[in-house]
Amino acid sequence: VHTAVVGSASSRERSAALASPAAVRPVV
């Protein structure tokens, strides 16, 4: 998840990764 979010080149990819049920806790 970290690679998908922090290493993402676009905000759209980040949003998709964070929207996943397997994403990180809200505080993170």
PDB file of all heavy atoms in Angstrom:
ATOM      1  N   VAL A   1       0.839  -1.205   0.000  1.00  0.00           N
ATOM      2  CA  VAL A   1       0.000   0.000   0.000  1.00  0.00           C
ATOM      3  C   VAL A   1       0.871   1.250   0.000  1.00  0.00           C
ATOM      4  O   VAL A   1       0.587   2.219  -0.707  1.00  0.00           O
ATOM      5  CB  VAL A   1      -0.951   0.004   1.214  1.00  0.00           C
ATOM      6  CG1 VAL A   1      -1.759   1.295   1.252  1.00  0.00           C
ATOM      7  CG2 VAL A   1      -1.880  -1.198   1.175  1.00  0.00           C
ATOM      8  N   HIS A   2       1.949   1.225   0.784  1.00  0.00           N
ATOM      9  CA  HIS A   2       2.855   2.367   0.842  1.00  0.00           C
ATOM     10  C   HIS A   2       3.426   2.656  -0.539  1.00  0.00           C
ATOM     11  O   HIS A   2       3.473   3.811  -0.984  1.00  0.00           O
ATOM     12  CB  HIS A   2       3.982   2.089   1.838  1.00  0.00           C
ATOM     13  CG  HIS A   2       4.931   3.238   2.029  1.00  0.00           C
ATOM     14  ND1 HIS A   2       5.969   3.499   1.151  1.00  0.00           N
ATOM     15  CD2 HIS A   2       4.998   4.202   2.988  1.00  0.00           C
ATOM     16  CE1 HIS A   2       6.639   4.559   1.575  1.00  0.00           C
ATOM     17  NE2 HIS A   2       6.068   5.003   2.679  1.00  0.00           N
ATOM     18  N   THR A   3       3.862   1.617  -1.247  1.00  0.00           N
ATOM     19  CA  THR A   3       4.412   1.802  -2.595  1.00  0.00           C
ATOM     20  C   THR A   3       3.360   2.381  -3.529  1.00  0.00           C
ATOM     21  O   THR A   3       3.644   3.283  -4.340  1.00  0.00           O
ATOM     22  CB  THR A   3       4.923   0.465  -3.146  1.00  0.00           C
ATOM     23  OG1 THR A   3       5.967  -0.023  -2.302  1.00  0.00           O
ATOM     24  CG2 THR A   3       5.456   0.617  -4.562  1.00  0.00           C
ATOM     25  N   ALA A   4       2.125   1.888  -3.403  1.00  0.00           N
ATOM     26  CA  ALA A   4       1.053   2.353  -4.282  1.00  0.00           C
ATOM     27  C   ALA A   4       0.675   3.803  -4.017  1.00  0.00           C
ATOM     28  O   ALA A   4       0.317   4.540  -4.941  1.00  0.00           O
ATOM     29  CB  ALA A   4      -0.175   1.461  -4.120  1.00  0.00           C
ATOM     30  N   VAL A   5       0.773   4.231  -2.770  1.00  0.00           N
ATOM     31  CA  VAL A   5       0.358   5.595  -2.419  1.00  0.00           C
ATOM     32  C   VAL A   5       1.523   6.567  -2.487  1.00  0.00           C
ATOM     33  O   VAL A   5       1.504   7.545  -3.243  1.00  0.00           O
ATOM     34  CB  VAL A   5      -0.274   5.624  -1.013  1.00  0.00           C
ATOM     35  CG1 VAL A   5      -0.609   7.061  -0.612  1.00  0.00           C
ATOM     36  CG2 VAL A   5      -1.528   4.760  -0.970  1.00  0.00           C
ATOM     37  N   VAL A   6       2.559   6.304  -1.695  1.00  0.00           N
ATOM     38  CA  VAL A   6       3.690   7.243  -1.609  1.00  0.00           C
ATOM     39  C   VAL A   6       4.521   7.225  -2.886  1.00  0.00           C
ATOM     40  O   VAL A   6       5.059   8.254  -3.303  1.00  0.00           O
ATOM     41  CB  VAL A   6       4.558   6.911  -0.383  1.00  0.00           C
ATOM     42  CG1 VAL A   6       5.777   7.831  -0.319  1.00  0.00           C
ATOM     43  CG2 VAL A   6       3.724   7.040   0.894  1.00  0.00           C
ATOM     44  N   GLY A   7       4.619   6.057  -3.527  1.00  0.00           N
ATOM     45  CA  GLY A   7       5.410   5.963  -4.741  1.00  0.00           C
ATOM     46  C   GLY A   7       4.628   6.253  -6.000  1.00  0.00           C
ATOM     47  O   GLY A   7       5.174   6.181  -7.108  1.00  0.00           O
ATOM     48  N   SER A   8       3.347   6.597  -5.865  1.00  0.00           N
ATOM     49  CA  SER A   8       2.503   6.846  -7.032  1.00  0.00           C
ATOM     50  C   SER A   8       2.868   8.171  -7.702  1.00  0.00           C
ATOM     51  O   SER A   8       3.205   9.151  -7.043  1.00  0.00           O
ATOM     52  CB  SER A   8       1.031   6.875  -6.626  1.00  0.00           C
ATOM     53  OG  SER A   8       0.219   7.230  -7.720  1.00  0.00           O
ATOM     54  N   ALA A   9       2.764   8.175  -9.028  1.00  0.00           N
ATOM     55  CA  ALA A   9       3.083   9.383  -9.785  1.00  0.00           C
ATOM     56  C   ALA A   9       1.874  10.283  -9.984  1.00  0.00           C
ATOM     57  O   ALA A   9       2.019  11.429 -10.399  1.00  0.00           O
ATOM     58  CB  ALA A   9       3.662   9.014 -11.152  1.00  0.00           C
ATOM     59  N   SER A  10       0.679   9.778  -9.694  1.00  0.00           N
ATOM     60  CA  SER A  10      -0.515  10.590  -9.940  1.00  0.00           C
ATOM     61  C   SER A  10      -1.455  10.545  -8.746  1.00  0.00           C
ATOM     62  O   SER A  10      -1.513   9.554  -8.007  1.00  0.00           O
ATOM     63  CB  SER A  10      -1.255  10.098 -11.184  1.00  0.00           C
ATOM     64  OG  SER A  10      -1.893   8.859 -10.934  1.00  0.00           O
ATOM     65  N   SER A  11      -2.207  11.605  -8.564  1.00  0.00           N
ATOM     66  CA  SER A  11      -3.159  11.677  -7.463  1.00  0.00           C
ATOM     67  C   SER A  11      -4.297  10.683  -7.668  1.00  0.00           C
ATOM     68  O   SER A  11      -4.876  10.177  -6.701  1.00  0.00           O
ATOM     69  CB  SER A  11      -3.725  13.094  -7.356  1.00  0.00           C
ATOM     70  OG  SER A  11      -4.340  13.482  -8.570  1.00  0.00           O
ATOM     71  N   ARG A  12      -4.633  10.371  -8.937  1.00  0.00           N
ATOM     72  CA  ARG A  12      -5.696   9.412  -9.205  1.00  0.00           C
ATOM     73  C   ARG A  12      -5.290   8.021  -8.700  1.00  0.00           C
ATOM     74  O   ARG A  12      -6.099   7.304  -8.096  1.00  0.00           O
ATOM     75  CB  ARG A  12      -6.005   9.361 -10.701  1.00  0.00           C
ATOM     76  CG  ARG A  12      -7.058   8.322 -11.080  1.00  0.00           C
ATOM     77  CD  ARG A  12      -7.401   8.379 -12.553  1.00  0.00           C
ATOM     78  NE  ARG A  12      -8.001   9.657 -12.910  1.00  0.00           N
ATOM     79  CZ  ARG A  12      -8.416   9.961 -14.133  1.00  0.00           C
ATOM     80  NH1 ARG A  12      -8.262   9.081 -15.132  1.00  0.00           N
ATOM     81  NH2 ARG A  12      -8.963  11.131 -14.385  1.00  0.00           N
ATOM     82  N   GLU A  13      -4.049   7.617  -8.982  1.00  0.00           N
ATOM     83  CA  GLU A  13      -3.574   6.321  -8.513  1.00  0.00           C
ATOM     84  C   GLU A  13      -3.546   6.275  -6.990  1.00  0.00           C
ATOM     85  O   GLU A  13      -3.871   5.251  -6.385  1.00  0.00           O
ATOM     86  CB  GLU A  13      -2.185   6.043  -9.083  1.00  0.00           C
ATOM     87  CG  GLU A  13      -2.172   5.808 -10.587  1.00  0.00           C
ATOM     88  CD  GLU A  13      -0.758   5.697 -11.121  1.00  0.00           C
ATOM     89  OE1 GLU A  13       0.183   6.074 -10.388  1.00  0.00           O
ATOM     90  OE2 GLU A  13      -0.580   5.236 -12.264  1.00  0.00           O
ATOM     91  N   ARG A  14      -3.131   7.387  -6.383  1.00  0.00           N
ATOM     92  CA  ARG A  14      -3.107   7.458  -4.926  1.00  0.00           C
ATOM     93  C   ARG A  14      -4.514   7.279  -4.361  1.00  0.00           C
ATOM     94  O   ARG A  14      -4.731   6.536  -3.403  1.00  0.00           O
ATOM     95  CB  ARG A  14      -2.572   8.826  -4.477  1.00  0.00           C
ATOM     96  CG  ARG A  14      -1.086   8.854  -4.288  1.00  0.00           C
ATOM     97  CD  ARG A  14      -0.640  10.163  -3.679  1.00  0.00           C
ATOM     98  NE  ARG A  14       0.622  10.541  -4.272  1.00  0.00           N
ATOM     99  CZ  ARG A  14       0.849  11.661  -4.937  1.00  0.00           C
ATOM    100  NH1 ARG A  14      -0.101  12.543  -5.073  1.00  0.00           N
ATOM    101  NH2 ARG A  14       2.028  11.903  -5.449  1.00  0.00           N
ATOM    102  N   SER A  15      -5.465   7.998  -4.922  1.00  0.00           N
ATOM    103  CA  SER A  15      -6.838   7.925  -4.439  1.00  0.00           C
ATOM    104  C   SER A  15      -7.385   6.516  -4.557  1.00  0.00           C
ATOM    105  O   SER A  15      -8.081   6.021  -3.658  1.00  0.00           O
ATOM    106  CB  SER A  15      -7.723   8.896  -5.225  1.00  0.00           C
ATOM    107  OG  SER A  15      -7.296  10.232  -5.037  1.00  0.00           O
ATOM    108  N   ALA A  16      -7.072   5.832  -5.658  1.00  0.00           N
ATOM    109  CA  ALA A  16      -7.541   4.464  -5.852  1.00  0.00           C
ATOM    110  C   ALA A  16      -6.940   3.529  -4.803  1.00  0.00           C
ATOM    111  O   ALA A  16      -7.632   2.661  -4.254  1.00  0.00           O
ATOM    112  CB  ALA A  16      -7.180   3.989  -7.259  1.00  0.00           C
ATOM    113  N   ALA A  17      -5.655   3.704  -4.523  1.00  0.00           N
ATOM    114  CA  ALA A  17      -4.996   2.854  -3.528  1.00  0.00           C
ATOM    115  C   ALA A  17      -5.558   3.095  -2.131  1.00  0.00           C
ATOM    116  O   ALA A  17      -5.772   2.148  -1.361  1.00  0.00           O
ATOM    117  CB  ALA A  17      -3.491   3.111  -3.539  1.00  0.00           C
ATOM    118  N   LEU A  18      -5.833   4.348  -1.803  1.00  0.00           N
ATOM    119  CA  LEU A  18      -6.352   4.678  -0.483  1.00  0.00           C
ATOM    120  C   LEU A  18      -7.809   4.268  -0.324  1.00  0.00           C
ATOM    121  O   LEU A  18      -8.289   4.082   0.795  1.00  0.00           O
ATOM    122  CB  LEU A  18      -6.196   6.180  -0.215  1.00  0.00           C
ATOM    123  CG  LEU A  18      -4.770   6.662   0.014  1.00  0.00           C
ATOM    124  CD1 LEU A  18      -4.708   8.177   0.068  1.00  0.00           C
ATOM    125  CD2 LEU A  18      -4.213   6.069   1.311  1.00  0.00           C
ATOM    126  N   ALA A  19      -8.522   4.147  -1.435  1.00  0.00           N
ATOM    127  CA  ALA A  19      -9.931   3.758  -1.377  1.00  0.00           C
ATOM    128  C   ALA A  19     -10.116   2.256  -1.228  1.00  0.00           C
ATOM    129  O   ALA A  19     -11.214   1.781  -0.944  1.00  0.00           O
ATOM    130  CB  ALA A  19     -10.650   4.238  -2.629  1.00  0.00           C
ATOM    131  N   SER A  20      -9.044   1.508  -1.401  1.00  0.00           N
ATOM    132  CA  SER A  20      -9.112   0.047  -1.302  1.00  0.00           C
ATOM    133  C   SER A  20      -9.487  -0.378   0.120  1.00  0.00           C
ATOM    134  O   SER A  20      -9.057   0.245   1.095  1.00  0.00           O
ATOM    135  CB  SER A  20      -7.759  -0.557  -1.683  1.00  0.00           C
ATOM    136  OG  SER A  20      -7.707  -1.920  -1.303  1.00  0.00           O
ATOM    137  N   PRO A  21     -10.277  -1.455   0.241  1.00  0.00           N
ATOM    138  CA  PRO A  21     -10.614  -1.969   1.588  1.00  0.00           C
ATOM    139  C   PRO A  21      -9.374  -2.357   2.390  1.00  0.00           C
ATOM    140  O   PRO A  21      -9.419  -2.410   3.619  1.00  0.00           O
ATOM    141  CB  PRO A  21     -11.485  -3.197   1.281  1.00  0.00           C
ATOM    142  CG  PRO A  21     -12.034  -2.935  -0.069  1.00  0.00           C
ATOM    143  CD  PRO A  21     -10.930  -2.213  -0.814  1.00  0.00           C
ATOM    144  N   ALA A  22      -8.282  -2.643   1.687  1.00  0.00           N
ATOM    145  CA  ALA A  22      -7.053  -3.057   2.371  1.00  0.00           C
ATOM    146  C   ALA A  22      -6.135  -1.874   2.665  1.00  0.00           C
ATOM    147  O   ALA A  22      -4.976  -2.058   3.013  1.00  0.00           O
ATOM    148  CB  ALA A  22      -6.304  -4.080   1.514  1.00  0.00           C
ATOM    149  N   ALA A  23      -6.644  -0.656   2.507  1.00  0.00           N
ATOM    150  CA  ALA A  23      -5.815   0.534   2.706  1.00  0.00           C
ATOM    151  C   ALA A  23      -5.476   0.725   4.186  1.00  0.00           C
ATOM    152  O   ALA A  23      -5.931  -0.019   5.061  1.00  0.00           O
ATOM    153  CB  ALA A  23      -6.523   1.763   2.158  1.00  0.00           C
ATOM    154  N   VAL A  24      -4.690   1.743   4.464  1.00  0.00           N
ATOM    155  CA  VAL A  24      -4.211   1.990   5.824  1.00  0.00           C
ATOM    156  C   VAL A  24      -5.275   2.653   6.697  1.00  0.00           C
ATOM    157  O   VAL A  24      -6.302   3.127   6.209  1.00  0.00           O
ATOM    158  CB  VAL A  24      -2.955   2.884   5.784  1.00  0.00           C
ATOM    159  CG1 VAL A  24      -1.800   2.160   5.144  1.00  0.00           C
ATOM    160  CG2 VAL A  24      -3.253   4.192   5.056  1.00  0.00           C
ATOM    161  N   ARG A  25      -5.004   2.692   7.993  1.00  0.00           N
ATOM    162  CA  ARG A  25      -5.903   3.339   8.946  1.00  0.00           C
ATOM    163  C   ARG A  25      -6.023   4.831   8.635  1.00  0.00           C
ATOM    164  O   ARG A  25      -5.084   5.431   8.112  1.00  0.00           O
ATOM    165  CB  ARG A  25      -5.363   3.154  10.369  1.00  0.00           C
ATOM    166  CG  ARG A  25      -5.306   1.710  10.833  1.00  0.00           C
ATOM    167  CD  ARG A  25      -4.688   1.601  12.219  1.00  0.00           C
ATOM    168  NE  ARG A  25      -3.285   1.979  12.231  1.00  0.00           N
ATOM    169  CZ  ARG A  25      -2.694   2.660  13.199  1.00  0.00           C
ATOM    170  NH1 ARG A  25      -3.390   3.093  14.231  1.00  0.00           N
ATOM    171  NH2 ARG A  25      -1.412   2.932  13.142  1.00  0.00           N
ATOM    172  N   PRO A  26      -7.155   5.456   8.985  1.00  0.00           N
ATOM    173  CA  PRO A  26      -7.344   6.885   8.691  1.00  0.00           C
ATOM    174  C   PRO A  26      -6.242   7.777   9.242  1.00  0.00           C
ATOM    175  O   PRO A  26      -5.818   8.721   8.575  1.00  0.00           O
ATOM    176  CB  PRO A  26      -8.693   7.198   9.344  1.00  0.00           C
ATOM    177  CG  PRO A  26      -9.431   5.902   9.286  1.00  0.00           C
ATOM    178  CD  PRO A  26      -8.378   4.836   9.518  1.00  0.00           C
ATOM    179  N   VAL A  27      -5.740   7.489  10.458  1.00  0.00           N
ATOM    180  CA  VAL A  27      -4.701   8.333  11.036  1.00  0.00           C
ATOM    181  C   VAL A  27      -3.429   8.289  10.199  1.00  0.00           C
ATOM    182  O   VAL A  27      -2.724   9.297  10.044  1.00  0.00           O
ATOM    183  CB  VAL A  27      -4.401   7.916  12.502  1.00  0.00           C
ATOM    184  CG1 VAL A  27      -3.811   6.516  12.577  1.00  0.00           C
ATOM    185  CG2 VAL A  27      -3.484   8.920  13.173  1.00  0.00           C
ATOM    186  N   VAL A  28      -3.143   7.126   9.607  1.00  0.00           N
ATOM    187  CA  VAL A  28      -1.964   6.980   8.748  1.00  0.00           C
ATOM    188  C   VAL A  28      -2.220   7.617   7.391  1.00  0.00           C
ATOM    189  O   VAL A  28      -1.383   8.342   6.855  1.00  0.00           O
ATOM    190  CB  VAL A  28      -1.585   5.495   8.601  1.00  0.00           C
ATOM    191  CG1 VAL A  28      -0.430   5.322   7.625  1.00  0.00           C
ATOM    192  CG2 VAL A  28      -1.237   4.904   9.956  1.00  0.00           C
TER     193      VAL A  28
END
